[in-house]
Amino acid sequence: MTTTNKLKMRSSFKLLLNLKNDPALLAIILFTLALVTFFILIPLYNILLESLTNQKMISLQNYKDVFAMHGNVQILTNTILLGIVTATISVAIGFVFAYVTTYMKIRFRRTFDFIAILPIISPPFVVALSAILLFGRVGLITRGLLGLKDAEIYGFHGLVLVQSLSFFPIAYMMLVALLQRIDPSVEEASRDLGASRFKVFTSVTLPLMAPGLANAFLLVFIQSIADFANPVVIGGNFTTVAVKIYQEGIGNYQFGTATALAMVLLSISISIFVLQKYYVSKKSYVTVTGKVSRHRDLISSRKITVPATTVLTLFTVFVIMMYILIPIGSFVKLWGVNYTPTLEHYRYIFKPKLFQPVVTTTILAAVATPVSGILGMIIAFLIVRKKFFGKSFIEFTTIMALAIPGTIIGLGYVISYNKSYGIAGLTLIPPITGTAFIIIMAFIIRSLPVGVRSGITSLQQIDPTIEEAASVLGASSSKVFSSVTIPMIKNAFLNGLIFTFARSMTLVSTVIFLISAQYKLLTTSIMAQIDVGRMGVASAYCTILIIIVSLVMLLIKFLIRNISTE
C-alpha cells in the first residue's frame, strides 16, 4: 500500500471517529446512507441480479435472449437515434433562446424566458397531446386547415417534435447561465482588434461555449432516451427501450427480459452521465471565466435584433398555441368532428370515482414536497460543508439518480418490495408496493437530485466562514443548519419545493409500476383516457393538473417574494 493511500485511510478513520462527537450529524448521515441504499442501490442490485438469473441459475441467457429477439436491436437503435436527433435540435433551440436573451437588446425578454421554462413545469405529455390535437388525423391544422385525411403525427417525427419542445428548456437554462458568465471584455478585445461581430461569435463565443454545448447535449440525450410518457402517447410503432421495459415487465411478466433491457439502458445513461459529470462539465469551468468584470453592451442593431425577435416570437406563438389547445380541447364536444362548446368532459371527471386520482395525486405530492425539499438541502449541506467518511458515496449516489430512467426505478421497486424482509421468521419490512408510502418515496427519489444540485450551487456561493463563526460560538451542526444555513439558501429551498411538487404531480415513468386500485394517480388516468381516444376528457384532466401546479407555484413564489432575505 502506498504512503498516499495510508494517509487517506488514516484521514477517513479519523473523520469516522470525529462523528461520535456530533450525534445529530451522525444520525443524519446514517439516515441518508440508509435512504439511498434502500431506495436506489437495492432496487438497482435486484434488477442486475434478476437480469443475470435464468432458471434460478446465474447466466447471461437473458441478455442473449434480448439481443436475439426480433426487433430489440432495432428498438435500441431507435432509442439512440431519437436521443441524438432530439438532443441536437433541443440544444440548437436552447442556444438561440439563450444567446438572443443574453446578448441582444430586445423586447419581451421576460416572455421569452417564461416560454423557455414552461415545458419543465407542465406534464410531460401535454406537448404530445397538443401535437395530436394540432397535427393528428383530425388535427386542427392537418384536417381543419389543410384538409389532409391521412396525416400521421405518430412515430419518429412526432416524437422528435414533442421531445425537442419538452427538453430544450434544459439546454436553455444551462447555456444562459454559461453565456452570462462569459467576461464581455474577452469579446470586446476582439472587436477592438477589428474583428466583425460574426467573426467574434464564431472564433471567441462559440469556442468558449463548446464544453457547455456538449454538456447540454449529453443531459438532453439522457432525458430523451429515458423518456417514457411521450413515446407511449405519440410513439406509435416507433418503440423505445423505456417503453419496451414496461411492456415486458408489466405487460408480459417477463422480468428477465425486462431487467436485461433495463441494464442495457442504464449502462448507456450512466456512461453518458459520468462523461458529462467528470469530463465535459469540468472543461466548461476551465474555458469560461467565472467572474464578469462589468455589464455587457447588448447588441442593439435592428438588422440583428429584428430577425432574432421575429424568430423567437414565432416559436413563442407556436408554444403558446400548444398549451392553449389543452383547455380549449376540454371544452369542445369531439375534437376534429364537433366543436360545439360543452362542459360534458368536466361533468364526467367530477364524478367521485373519476375525480379521486386528482385528490390522491395532490395529497401525495403535497406530502412528498416538503420532505424532498428539506432532505435535498440537508444532503447538499453535508456534501458542501462537512467532511465525513462516505461523503463521496452519498454525493455520487444521489446525483446519479438523475441518470437512472424512471422505468428502471419503478421496475426495481416492484422486484424489490413486492415481498417481505425479515429475520428468523420475524417480518421487519412488509410488502410496500401498491401503498402510498412507496409512491411518496418514488416522488422524493425522482426529485431529490435536482434539490441537491440546487442546494450545492447556492451553498458554494456563500462564504463558509459565516457558519464556522456559529460553530466556534458553540452551535451544533443541526443548529447551524437550521438557524444559519437554511435562511441563507431560502430561495433555493423554495424553488426546490416548486420543482418537487410539479415533478410529483406529473411523474409517469416510475409510478406507472406502483399504482394500485387504492392509489390511482392523475397522470396514469390521463394516459388511460388518451389510450382509448377520449381526448376531451384527457384535456380536462390536464387542465385541472396545470391549474393545481400553477396555483402552488404562485403560492410558493409569493412566499419567496415576501420572506426572502437573500
Protein backbone atom coordinates (compact mmCIF):
# COMPACT_ATOMS: atom_id res chain seq x y z
CA MET A 1 0.00 0.00 0.00
CA THR A 2 1.41 3.40 -0.96
CA THR A 3 2.03 6.18 1.57
CA THR A 4 -0.74 8.29 -0.03
CA ASN A 5 -3.31 5.53 0.41
CA LYS A 6 -2.25 5.00 4.03
CA LEU A 7 -2.69 8.72 4.71
CA LYS A 8 -6.11 8.69 3.05
CA MET A 9 -7.24 5.70 5.13
CA ARG A 10 -5.93 7.30 8.31
CA SER A 11 -7.76 10.53 7.48
CA SER A 12 -11.01 8.65 6.73
CA PHE A 13 -10.75 6.74 10.02
CA LYS A 14 -10.15 9.97 11.90
CA LEU A 15 -13.22 11.55 10.28
CA LEU A 16 -15.26 8.49 11.25
CA LEU A 17 -14.18 8.79 14.88
CA ASN A 18 -14.95 12.52 14.93
CA LEU A 19 -18.60 11.80 14.07
CA LYS A 20 -19.24 10.44 17.57
CA ASN A 21 -18.77 14.00 18.89
CA ASP A 22 -21.76 15.19 16.83
CA PRO A 23 -24.65 12.71 17.32
CA ALA A 24 -27.10 14.78 15.25
CA LEU A 25 -24.74 14.82 12.27
CA LEU A 26 -24.05 11.10 12.68
CA ALA A 27 -27.78 10.31 12.75
CA ILE A 28 -28.42 12.37 9.60
CA ILE A 29 -25.56 10.71 7.73
CA LEU A 30 -26.76 7.23 8.73
CA PHE A 31 -30.34 8.09 7.72
CA THR A 32 -29.16 9.43 4.33
CA LEU A 33 -26.99 6.35 3.73
CA ALA A 34 -29.94 4.08 4.59
CA LEU A 35 -32.25 6.05 2.32
CA VAL A 36 -30.05 5.94 -0.79
CA THR A 37 -29.22 2.30 -0.13
CA PHE A 38 -32.85 1.23 0.33
CA PHE A 39 -34.43 3.26 -2.47
CA ILE A 40 -31.65 3.47 -5.08
CA LEU A 41 -28.99 0.81 -4.64
CA ILE A 42 -31.06 -2.21 -3.55
CA PRO A 43 -33.55 -1.82 -6.46
CA LEU A 44 -30.63 -1.48 -8.91
CA TYR A 45 -28.88 -4.50 -7.39
CA ASN A 46 -32.07 -6.59 -7.66
CA ILE A 47 -32.52 -5.56 -11.31
CA LEU A 48 -28.94 -6.61 -12.03
CA LEU A 49 -29.45 -9.90 -10.16
CA GLU A 50 -32.75 -10.63 -11.92
CA SER A 51 -31.16 -9.89 -15.31
CA LEU A 52 -28.40 -12.41 -14.56
CA THR A 53 -30.76 -15.12 -13.28
CA ASN A 54 -32.22 -17.74 -15.60
CA GLN A 55 -33.98 -20.83 -14.24
CA LYS A 56 -32.59 -19.99 -10.78
CA MET A 57 -29.01 -20.00 -12.08
CA ILE A 58 -26.61 -17.18 -12.81
CA SER A 59 -26.16 -16.80 -16.56
CA LEU A 60 -26.16 -14.30 -19.43
CA GLN A 61 -29.12 -16.03 -21.10
CA ASN A 62 -31.49 -13.07 -20.60
CA TYR A 63 -29.05 -10.77 -22.40
CA LYS A 64 -28.62 -13.29 -25.22
CA ASP A 65 -32.42 -13.52 -25.50
CA VAL A 66 -32.77 -9.74 -25.59
CA PHE A 67 -30.38 -9.34 -28.50
CA ALA A 68 -31.70 -12.46 -30.27
CA MET A 69 -35.37 -11.39 -30.09
CA HIS A 70 -36.68 -9.93 -33.31
CA GLY A 71 -36.90 -6.15 -33.19
CA ASN A 72 -34.94 -5.48 -30.00
CA VAL A 73 -31.78 -4.31 -31.79
CA GLN A 74 -34.00 -2.02 -33.87
CA ILE A 75 -35.60 -0.69 -30.65
CA LEU A 76 -32.15 0.04 -29.21
CA THR A 77 -31.17 1.80 -32.45
CA ASN A 78 -34.44 3.75 -32.35
CA THR A 79 -33.70 4.93 -28.83
CA ILE A 80 -30.17 6.12 -29.57
CA LEU A 81 -31.22 7.78 -32.84
CA LEU A 82 -34.06 9.57 -31.06
CA GLY A 83 -31.67 10.74 -28.34
CA ILE A 84 -29.14 12.13 -30.84
CA VAL A 85 -31.69 13.94 -33.02
CA THR A 86 -33.68 15.32 -30.07
CA ALA A 87 -30.54 16.48 -28.24
CA THR A 88 -29.19 18.21 -31.39
CA ILE A 89 -32.42 20.11 -32.07
CA SER A 90 -33.04 20.92 -28.39
CA VAL A 91 -29.53 22.34 -27.92
CA ALA A 92 -29.88 24.40 -31.11
CA ILE A 93 -33.20 25.91 -29.93
CA GLY A 94 -31.91 26.39 -26.39
CA PHE A 95 -28.77 28.12 -27.65
CA VAL A 96 -30.70 30.53 -29.90
CA PHE A 97 -33.02 31.45 -26.99
CA ALA A 98 -30.09 31.83 -24.57
CA TYR A 99 -27.94 33.88 -26.97
CA VAL A 100 -30.70 36.25 -28.01
CA THR A 101 -31.99 36.89 -24.47
CA THR A 102 -28.45 37.34 -23.07
CA TYR A 103 -26.63 39.22 -25.86
CA MET A 104 -29.32 41.32 -27.52
CA LYS A 105 -31.38 44.31 -26.54
CA ILE A 106 -34.84 43.02 -27.31
CA ARG A 107 -38.39 43.47 -26.09
CA PHE A 108 -40.47 40.73 -24.41
CA ARG A 109 -37.35 39.25 -22.80
CA ARG A 110 -39.36 38.01 -19.78
CA THR A 111 -41.97 36.41 -22.05
CA PHE A 112 -39.27 34.51 -23.94
CA ASP A 113 -37.68 33.45 -20.66
CA PHE A 114 -41.05 32.20 -19.35
CA ILE A 115 -41.75 30.27 -22.56
CA ALA A 116 -38.31 28.66 -22.33
CA ILE A 117 -39.07 27.15 -18.91
CA LEU A 118 -42.81 26.44 -19.39
CA PRO A 119 -42.38 22.82 -20.57
CA ILE A 120 -40.44 21.97 -17.39
CA ILE A 121 -43.38 22.72 -15.11
CA SER A 122 -46.02 21.06 -17.28
CA PRO A 123 -46.91 17.36 -17.51
CA PRO A 124 -44.52 15.53 -19.85
CA PHE A 125 -47.25 14.50 -22.27
CA VAL A 126 -49.06 17.86 -22.58
CA VAL A 127 -46.98 18.72 -25.64
CA ALA A 128 -47.70 15.28 -27.09
CA LEU A 129 -51.42 15.70 -26.53
CA SER A 130 -51.31 19.15 -28.14
CA ALA A 131 -49.38 17.78 -31.10
CA ILE A 132 -52.14 15.18 -31.64
CA LEU A 133 -54.82 17.90 -31.44
CA LEU A 134 -52.90 20.02 -33.97
CA PHE A 135 -51.30 17.53 -36.34
CA GLY A 136 -53.18 14.25 -35.73
CA ARG A 137 -55.61 12.53 -38.07
CA VAL A 138 -58.36 15.02 -37.10
CA GLY A 139 -55.90 17.77 -36.13
CA LEU A 140 -56.79 21.44 -36.29
CA ILE A 141 -54.04 22.18 -38.83
CA THR A 142 -53.79 18.90 -40.73
CA ARG A 143 -57.54 18.18 -41.17
CA GLY A 144 -59.06 21.57 -40.30
CA LEU A 145 -56.81 23.95 -42.27
CA LEU A 146 -55.01 21.78 -44.81
CA GLY A 147 -57.75 19.21 -45.39
CA LEU A 148 -55.33 16.28 -45.10
CA LYS A 149 -57.09 12.98 -44.37
CA ASP A 150 -54.09 10.73 -43.93
CA ALA A 151 -51.90 12.94 -41.72
CA GLU A 152 -49.80 10.90 -39.31
CA ILE A 153 -48.18 12.51 -36.29
CA TYR A 154 -47.45 9.21 -34.53
CA GLY A 155 -43.91 7.90 -34.91
CA PHE A 156 -40.34 9.18 -35.03
CA HIS A 157 -41.06 12.66 -36.41
CA GLY A 158 -43.83 13.27 -33.88
CA LEU A 159 -41.59 12.11 -31.03
CA VAL A 160 -38.74 14.37 -32.16
CA LEU A 161 -41.16 17.32 -32.26
CA VAL A 162 -42.59 16.81 -28.77
CA GLN A 163 -39.31 15.80 -27.12
CA SER A 164 -37.47 18.79 -28.62
CA LEU A 165 -40.16 21.13 -27.29
CA SER A 166 -40.16 19.33 -23.92
CA PHE A 167 -36.40 19.19 -23.35
CA PHE A 168 -34.98 22.37 -24.94
CA PRO A 169 -35.53 24.22 -21.61
CA ILE A 170 -32.82 22.01 -20.04
CA ALA A 171 -30.33 23.21 -22.64
CA TYR A 172 -31.60 26.79 -22.37
CA MET A 173 -31.13 27.01 -18.60
CA MET A 174 -27.60 25.59 -18.77
CA LEU A 175 -26.49 27.75 -21.70
CA VAL A 176 -28.00 31.01 -20.50
CA ALA A 177 -26.07 30.63 -17.21
CA LEU A 178 -22.81 30.00 -19.11
CA LEU A 179 -23.34 32.93 -21.50
CA GLN A 180 -23.97 35.26 -18.56
CA ARG A 181 -20.65 34.20 -17.03
CA ILE A 182 -18.53 34.97 -20.11
CA ASP A 183 -16.50 38.09 -19.43
CA PRO A 184 -17.54 40.66 -22.10
CA SER A 185 -14.03 42.13 -22.19
CA VAL A 186 -12.80 38.95 -23.94
CA GLU A 187 -15.15 39.52 -26.87
CA GLU A 188 -14.74 43.28 -26.90
CA ALA A 189 -10.96 42.90 -27.15
CA SER A 190 -11.52 41.01 -30.41
CA ARG A 191 -13.89 43.72 -31.64
CA ASP A 192 -11.29 46.41 -30.83
CA LEU A 193 -8.77 44.49 -32.95
CA GLY A 194 -11.10 44.82 -35.96
CA ALA A 195 -12.97 41.51 -35.94
CA SER A 196 -16.56 41.61 -37.19
CA ARG A 197 -19.40 40.61 -34.87
CA PHE A 198 -19.85 37.33 -36.77
CA LYS A 199 -16.10 36.63 -36.52
CA VAL A 200 -16.20 37.24 -32.75
CA PHE A 201 -19.18 34.89 -32.45
CA THR A 202 -17.51 32.07 -34.42
CA SER A 203 -13.95 32.47 -33.10
CA VAL A 204 -14.50 33.56 -29.47
CA THR A 205 -18.03 32.98 -28.14
CA LEU A 206 -18.72 29.64 -29.80
CA PRO A 207 -15.38 28.02 -28.78
CA LEU A 208 -15.92 29.22 -25.20
CA MET A 209 -19.38 27.63 -25.25
CA ALA A 210 -18.27 24.33 -26.79
CA PRO A 211 -17.94 22.38 -23.49
CA GLY A 212 -21.26 23.85 -22.30
CA LEU A 213 -22.96 22.82 -25.54
CA ALA A 214 -21.56 19.30 -25.19
CA ASN A 215 -22.74 19.24 -21.58
CA ALA A 216 -26.26 20.29 -22.55
CA PHE A 217 -26.31 17.77 -25.41
CA LEU A 218 -25.45 14.88 -23.10
CA LEU A 219 -28.03 15.84 -20.46
CA VAL A 220 -30.81 16.18 -23.04
CA PHE A 221 -29.69 12.87 -24.60
CA ILE A 222 -30.11 11.14 -21.21
CA GLN A 223 -33.58 12.67 -20.74
CA SER A 224 -34.62 11.68 -24.26
CA ILE A 225 -33.63 8.00 -24.07
CA ALA A 226 -35.13 7.70 -20.57
CA ASP A 227 -38.44 9.33 -21.54
CA PHE A 228 -41.43 7.07 -21.15
CA ALA A 229 -44.57 9.19 -21.37
CA ASN A 230 -44.07 10.80 -24.79
CA PRO A 231 -43.16 7.53 -26.62
CA VAL A 232 -46.25 5.88 -25.09
CA VAL A 233 -48.56 8.71 -26.15
CA ILE A 234 -47.21 9.57 -29.59
CA GLY A 235 -44.61 6.92 -30.44
CA GLY A 236 -46.97 4.72 -32.44
CA ASN A 237 -44.96 1.86 -33.96
CA PHE A 238 -41.68 3.60 -33.09
CA THR A 239 -40.90 1.78 -29.84
CA THR A 240 -38.12 2.83 -27.47
CA VAL A 241 -36.30 0.82 -24.80
CA ALA A 242 -38.10 2.56 -21.91
CA VAL A 243 -41.49 1.53 -23.33
CA LYS A 244 -40.27 -2.00 -24.11
CA ILE A 245 -39.16 -2.44 -20.47
CA TYR A 246 -42.71 -1.65 -19.33
CA GLN A 247 -44.26 -3.92 -21.96
CA GLU A 248 -42.03 -6.85 -21.00
CA GLY A 249 -42.18 -6.29 -17.22
CA ILE A 250 -45.84 -5.42 -16.62
CA GLY A 251 -47.49 -6.48 -19.89
CA ASN A 252 -45.83 -9.88 -20.41
CA TYR A 253 -44.44 -10.57 -16.88
CA GLN A 254 -41.06 -11.34 -18.47
CA PHE A 255 -38.92 -9.84 -15.74
CA GLY A 256 -35.74 -11.48 -17.05
CA THR A 257 -36.04 -9.75 -20.41
CA ALA A 258 -37.27 -6.51 -18.85
CA THR A 259 -34.36 -6.30 -16.41
CA ALA A 260 -31.78 -7.16 -19.10
CA LEU A 261 -33.18 -4.33 -21.24
CA ALA A 262 -33.16 -2.09 -18.18
CA MET A 263 -29.47 -2.81 -17.58
CA VAL A 264 -28.64 -2.00 -21.22
CA LEU A 265 -30.49 1.33 -20.96
CA LEU A 266 -28.95 2.04 -17.56
CA SER A 267 -25.45 1.35 -18.90
CA ILE A 268 -25.93 3.94 -21.64
CA SER A 269 -27.40 6.54 -19.26
CA ILE A 270 -24.75 6.10 -16.55
CA SER A 271 -21.89 6.15 -19.09
CA ILE A 272 -23.14 9.41 -20.57
CA PHE A 273 -23.77 10.82 -17.09
CA VAL A 274 -20.23 10.03 -15.91
CA LEU A 275 -18.80 11.53 -19.12
CA GLN A 276 -20.88 14.66 -18.58
CA LYS A 277 -20.12 14.98 -14.87
CA TYR A 278 -16.42 14.22 -14.72
CA TYR A 279 -15.11 15.30 -18.12
CA VAL A 280 -17.25 17.74 -20.04
CA SER A 281 -18.59 19.73 -17.08
CA LYS A 282 -15.06 20.21 -15.70
CA LYS A 283 -13.84 21.50 -19.04
CA SER A 284 -16.54 24.16 -19.05
CA TYR A 285 -15.17 25.70 -15.86
CA VAL A 286 -11.72 25.94 -17.40
CA THR A 287 -12.74 27.70 -20.59
CA VAL A 288 -15.37 30.09 -19.25
CA THR A 289 -14.26 32.84 -16.92
CA GLY A 290 -16.06 32.64 -13.60
CA LYS A 291 -16.47 36.34 -12.92
CA VAL A 292 -17.93 39.04 -15.12
CA SER A 293 -15.93 42.26 -14.79
CA ARG A 294 -18.75 44.57 -15.94
CA HIS A 295 -22.07 44.61 -17.74
CA ARG A 296 -22.15 43.55 -21.38
CA ASP A 297 -23.01 46.08 -24.11
CA LEU A 298 -26.06 44.43 -25.64
CA ILE A 299 -26.42 44.19 -29.42
CA SER A 300 -28.94 46.82 -30.47
CA SER A 301 -28.54 46.86 -34.28
CA ARG A 302 -32.02 46.40 -35.76
CA LYS A 303 -30.53 44.34 -38.61
CA ILE A 304 -29.78 41.69 -35.99
CA THR A 305 -32.41 42.19 -33.28
CA VAL A 306 -35.48 42.34 -35.57
CA PRO A 307 -34.89 38.95 -37.29
CA ALA A 308 -33.90 37.40 -33.94
CA THR A 309 -37.01 38.73 -32.20
CA THR A 310 -39.17 37.55 -35.10
CA VAL A 311 -37.81 34.01 -34.88
CA LEU A 312 -38.32 33.87 -31.11
CA THR A 313 -41.80 35.37 -31.40
CA LEU A 314 -42.89 32.79 -33.98
CA PHE A 315 -41.55 30.00 -31.79
CA THR A 316 -43.24 31.50 -28.72
CA VAL A 317 -46.59 31.74 -30.51
CA PHE A 318 -46.25 28.09 -31.52
CA VAL A 319 -45.53 27.00 -27.93
CA ILE A 320 -48.41 29.12 -26.54
CA MET A 321 -50.72 27.60 -29.16
CA MET A 322 -49.70 24.12 -28.00
CA TYR A 323 -50.67 24.94 -24.42
CA ILE A 324 -53.86 26.89 -25.17
CA LEU A 325 -55.22 23.94 -27.12
CA ILE A 326 -55.43 21.83 -23.97
CA PRO A 327 -58.12 23.91 -22.17
CA ILE A 328 -59.85 24.59 -25.49
CA GLY A 329 -59.92 20.87 -26.25
CA SER A 330 -61.52 20.22 -22.86
CA PHE A 331 -64.48 22.49 -23.70
CA VAL A 332 -65.46 21.10 -27.13
CA LYS A 333 -67.64 18.08 -27.76
CA LEU A 334 -65.43 16.00 -30.05
CA TRP A 335 -62.15 17.41 -31.34
CA GLY A 336 -61.86 17.43 -35.13
CA VAL A 337 -65.51 16.46 -35.63
CA ASN A 338 -67.82 18.58 -33.47
CA TYR A 339 -66.51 21.83 -31.96
CA THR A 340 -69.75 22.62 -30.05
CA PRO A 341 -68.88 24.12 -26.62
CA THR A 342 -69.68 21.76 -23.75
CA LEU A 343 -68.94 21.06 -20.08
CA GLU A 344 -69.58 17.39 -20.63
CA HIS A 345 -65.95 16.33 -20.05
CA TYR A 346 -65.76 18.17 -16.73
CA ARG A 347 -69.09 16.73 -15.57
CA TYR A 348 -67.66 13.32 -16.41
CA ILE A 349 -64.41 13.66 -14.47
CA PHE A 350 -66.04 15.37 -11.47
CA LYS A 351 -67.80 12.13 -10.61
CA PRO A 352 -66.37 11.00 -7.25
CA LYS A 353 -64.68 7.86 -8.54
CA LEU A 354 -63.10 9.60 -11.55
CA PHE A 355 -62.02 12.68 -9.59
CA GLN A 356 -60.34 10.61 -6.88
CA PRO A 357 -56.98 10.39 -8.80
CA VAL A 358 -56.80 14.21 -8.74
CA VAL A 359 -57.27 14.26 -4.96
CA THR A 360 -54.91 11.33 -4.35
CA THR A 361 -52.13 12.76 -6.52
CA THR A 362 -52.38 16.21 -4.94
CA ILE A 363 -52.26 14.82 -1.39
CA LEU A 364 -49.31 12.50 -2.08
CA ALA A 365 -47.40 15.26 -3.91
CA ALA A 366 -48.09 17.66 -1.03
CA VAL A 367 -46.66 15.13 1.44
CA ALA A 368 -43.57 14.41 -0.69
CA THR A 369 -42.74 18.07 -1.44
CA PRO A 370 -41.52 19.32 1.99
CA VAL A 371 -39.77 16.03 2.75
CA SER A 372 -37.86 16.12 -0.55
CA GLY A 373 -37.10 19.85 -0.19
CA ILE A 374 -35.66 19.57 3.33
CA LEU A 375 -33.80 16.35 2.56
CA GLY A 376 -32.23 17.89 -0.56
CA MET A 377 -30.92 20.85 1.44
CA ILE A 378 -29.58 18.58 4.22
CA ILE A 379 -27.69 16.42 1.73
CA ALA A 380 -26.34 19.50 -0.08
CA PHE A 381 -25.19 20.88 3.30
CA LEU A 382 -23.42 17.63 4.14
CA ILE A 383 -21.70 17.49 0.73
CA VAL A 384 -20.51 21.10 0.63
CA ARG A 385 -19.80 21.87 4.27
CA LYS A 386 -18.87 18.62 6.01
CA LYS A 387 -16.01 16.14 5.78
CA PHE A 388 -17.00 12.63 6.73
CA PHE A 389 -16.49 9.04 5.72
CA GLY A 390 -18.88 8.10 2.88
CA LYS A 391 -19.38 11.65 1.60
CA SER A 392 -18.37 10.83 -1.99
CA PHE A 393 -20.70 7.82 -1.92
CA ILE A 394 -23.71 9.94 -0.89
CA GLU A 395 -22.88 12.66 -3.43
CA PHE A 396 -22.45 10.29 -6.36
CA THR A 397 -25.47 8.13 -5.48
CA THR A 398 -27.94 10.99 -5.04
CA ILE A 399 -26.81 12.89 -8.14
CA MET A 400 -26.58 9.65 -10.15
CA ALA A 401 -30.31 9.17 -9.63
CA LEU A 402 -30.69 11.88 -12.33
CA ALA A 403 -29.32 9.45 -14.88
CA ILE A 404 -31.47 6.48 -13.87
CA PRO A 405 -34.56 6.25 -16.10
CA GLY A 406 -37.82 6.29 -14.15
CA THR A 407 -38.95 2.99 -15.63
CA ILE A 408 -35.87 1.32 -14.12
CA ILE A 409 -36.53 2.75 -10.66
CA GLY A 410 -40.18 1.63 -10.89
CA LEU A 411 -39.23 -1.86 -12.08
CA GLY A 412 -36.65 -2.10 -9.30
CA TYR A 413 -39.26 -1.21 -6.66
CA VAL A 414 -41.66 -3.86 -7.99
CA ILE A 415 -38.97 -6.56 -7.89
CA SER A 416 -37.51 -5.49 -4.55
CA TYR A 417 -40.52 -4.52 -2.43
CA ASN A 418 -43.27 -6.83 -3.59
CA LYS A 419 -42.11 -9.21 -0.88
CA SER A 420 -41.40 -9.03 2.83
CA TYR A 421 -37.99 -8.91 4.51
CA GLY A 422 -37.32 -10.35 7.95
CA ILE A 423 -35.06 -12.26 10.28
CA ALA A 424 -35.80 -15.60 11.97
CA GLY A 425 -39.43 -15.62 10.89
CA LEU A 426 -39.99 -12.04 12.08
CA THR A 427 -41.20 -9.65 9.35
CA LEU A 428 -39.21 -6.43 9.53
CA ILE A 429 -40.34 -4.87 6.22
CA PRO A 430 -43.72 -5.95 4.78
CA PRO A 431 -44.51 -5.67 1.05
CA ILE A 432 -44.86 -1.96 0.23
CA THR A 433 -45.71 -1.94 -3.48
CA GLY A 434 -49.18 -0.54 -4.07
CA THR A 435 -49.02 1.60 -0.91
CA ALA A 436 -49.00 5.37 -0.54
CA PHE A 437 -45.57 5.12 1.11
CA ILE A 438 -43.76 3.70 -1.94
CA ILE A 439 -45.42 6.25 -4.25
CA ILE A 440 -44.32 9.12 -1.98
CA MET A 441 -40.79 7.69 -1.85
CA ALA A 442 -40.77 7.47 -5.66
CA PHE A 443 -41.77 11.16 -5.80
CA ILE A 444 -38.98 12.04 -3.37
CA ILE A 445 -36.24 9.99 -5.04
CA ARG A 446 -37.07 11.36 -8.52
CA SER A 447 -36.97 14.98 -7.30
CA LEU A 448 -34.08 14.72 -4.85
CA PRO A 449 -31.14 15.10 -7.30
CA VAL A 450 -32.38 18.48 -8.55
CA GLY A 451 -32.90 19.73 -4.98
CA VAL A 452 -29.40 18.55 -4.01
CA ARG A 453 -27.78 20.22 -7.03
CA SER A 454 -29.69 23.43 -6.42
CA GLY A 455 -28.61 23.42 -2.75
CA ILE A 456 -24.98 22.69 -3.65
CA THR A 457 -24.91 25.59 -6.13
CA SER A 458 -26.36 28.00 -3.55
CA LEU A 459 -24.08 26.88 -0.74
CA GLN A 460 -20.97 27.20 -2.92
CA GLN A 461 -21.80 30.89 -3.40
CA ILE A 462 -21.92 31.54 0.36
CA ASP A 463 -18.81 32.14 2.42
CA PRO A 464 -18.45 29.18 4.84
CA THR A 465 -16.88 31.44 7.50
CA ILE A 466 -20.40 32.60 8.44
CA GLU A 467 -21.31 29.06 9.52
CA GLU A 468 -17.87 28.48 11.01
CA ALA A 469 -18.39 31.51 13.24
CA ALA A 470 -21.60 29.94 14.59
CA SER A 471 -19.78 26.64 15.20
CA VAL A 472 -16.96 28.42 17.03
CA LEU A 473 -19.55 30.05 19.28
CA GLY A 474 -20.73 26.57 20.27
CA ALA A 475 -23.67 25.83 17.93
CA SER A 476 -24.16 22.17 16.93
CA SER A 477 -24.37 21.08 13.28
CA SER A 478 -28.17 20.89 13.45
CA LYS A 479 -28.36 24.39 14.99
CA VAL A 480 -26.01 25.83 12.36
CA PHE A 481 -28.04 24.22 9.59
CA SER A 482 -31.47 25.36 10.84
CA SER A 483 -30.51 28.85 12.08
CA VAL A 484 -27.76 29.93 9.66
CA THR A 485 -27.68 27.81 6.50
CA ILE A 486 -31.40 27.43 5.68
CA PRO A 487 -32.15 31.19 5.95
CA MET A 488 -29.26 31.90 3.54
CA ILE A 489 -30.40 29.37 0.92
CA LYS A 490 -34.11 30.06 1.30
CA ASN A 491 -34.64 30.81 -2.38
CA ALA A 492 -33.00 27.56 -3.50
CA PHE A 493 -35.10 25.70 -0.94
CA LEU A 494 -38.41 27.23 -2.07
CA ASN A 495 -37.56 26.79 -5.76
CA GLY A 496 -36.78 23.16 -4.97
CA LEU A 497 -40.26 22.85 -3.47
CA ILE A 498 -41.81 24.15 -6.71
CA PHE A 499 -39.88 21.65 -8.78
CA THR A 500 -40.68 18.75 -6.45
CA PHE A 501 -44.41 19.46 -6.40
CA ALA A 502 -44.59 19.92 -10.19
CA ARG A 503 -42.47 16.81 -10.78
CA SER A 504 -44.55 14.72 -8.35
CA MET A 505 -47.84 15.81 -9.91
CA THR A 506 -46.60 14.97 -13.42
CA LEU A 507 -44.47 11.88 -12.80
CA VAL A 508 -45.38 8.91 -15.00
CA SER A 509 -42.49 6.58 -15.73
CA THR A 510 -41.81 5.41 -12.16
CA VAL A 511 -45.29 5.40 -10.67
CA ILE A 512 -46.91 3.51 -13.54
CA PHE A 513 -45.32 0.40 -11.98
CA LEU A 514 -46.55 1.29 -8.47
CA ILE A 515 -50.19 2.32 -8.77
CA SER A 516 -52.90 0.12 -7.27
CA ALA A 517 -56.67 0.08 -7.15
CA GLN A 518 -56.50 2.14 -3.96
CA TYR A 519 -53.97 4.69 -5.23
CA LYS A 520 -54.73 5.64 -8.82
CA LEU A 521 -52.82 8.72 -9.98
CA LEU A 522 -53.77 11.58 -12.24
CA THR A 523 -51.05 11.12 -14.86
CA THR A 524 -51.88 7.47 -15.40
CA SER A 525 -55.59 8.36 -15.64
CA ILE A 526 -54.77 10.93 -18.35
CA MET A 527 -52.74 8.38 -20.28
CA ALA A 528 -55.57 5.85 -19.99
CA GLN A 529 -58.02 8.39 -21.49
CA ILE A 530 -55.60 9.20 -24.35
CA ASP A 531 -55.19 5.48 -24.95
CA VAL A 532 -58.94 4.99 -25.53
CA GLY A 533 -59.21 8.16 -27.64
CA ARG A 534 -61.09 10.36 -25.13
CA MET A 535 -59.08 13.48 -25.91
CA GLY A 536 -61.68 15.81 -24.36
CA VAL A 537 -61.56 14.03 -21.01
CA ALA A 538 -57.75 13.84 -21.14
CA SER A 539 -57.63 17.59 -21.90
CA ALA A 540 -59.95 18.31 -18.96
CA TYR A 541 -57.71 16.29 -16.61
CA CYS A 542 -54.62 18.09 -18.00
CA THR A 543 -56.27 21.48 -17.50
CA ILE A 544 -57.00 20.69 -13.85
CA LEU A 545 -53.44 19.43 -13.41
CA ILE A 546 -51.95 22.62 -14.89
CA ILE A 547 -54.23 24.78 -12.68
CA ILE A 548 -53.20 22.94 -9.49
CA VAL A 549 -49.47 23.14 -10.32
CA SER A 550 -49.77 26.82 -11.30
CA LEU A 551 -51.61 27.72 -8.06
CA VAL A 552 -48.95 26.03 -5.92
CA MET A 553 -46.19 27.74 -7.93
CA LEU A 554 -47.81 31.14 -7.43
CA LEU A 555 -48.20 30.44 -3.71
CA ILE A 556 -44.52 29.49 -3.29
CA LYS A 557 -43.35 32.41 -5.45
CA PHE A 558 -45.47 34.70 -3.25
CA LEU A 559 -43.63 33.28 -0.24
CA ILE A 560 -40.26 33.80 -1.96
CA ARG A 561 -41.09 37.43 -2.72
CA ASN A 562 -42.32 38.23 0.77
CA ILE A 563 -39.98 36.35 3.06
CA SER A 564 -36.77 36.23 1.00
CA THR A 565 -33.73 37.77 2.68
CA GLU A 566 -31.01 36.60 0.27
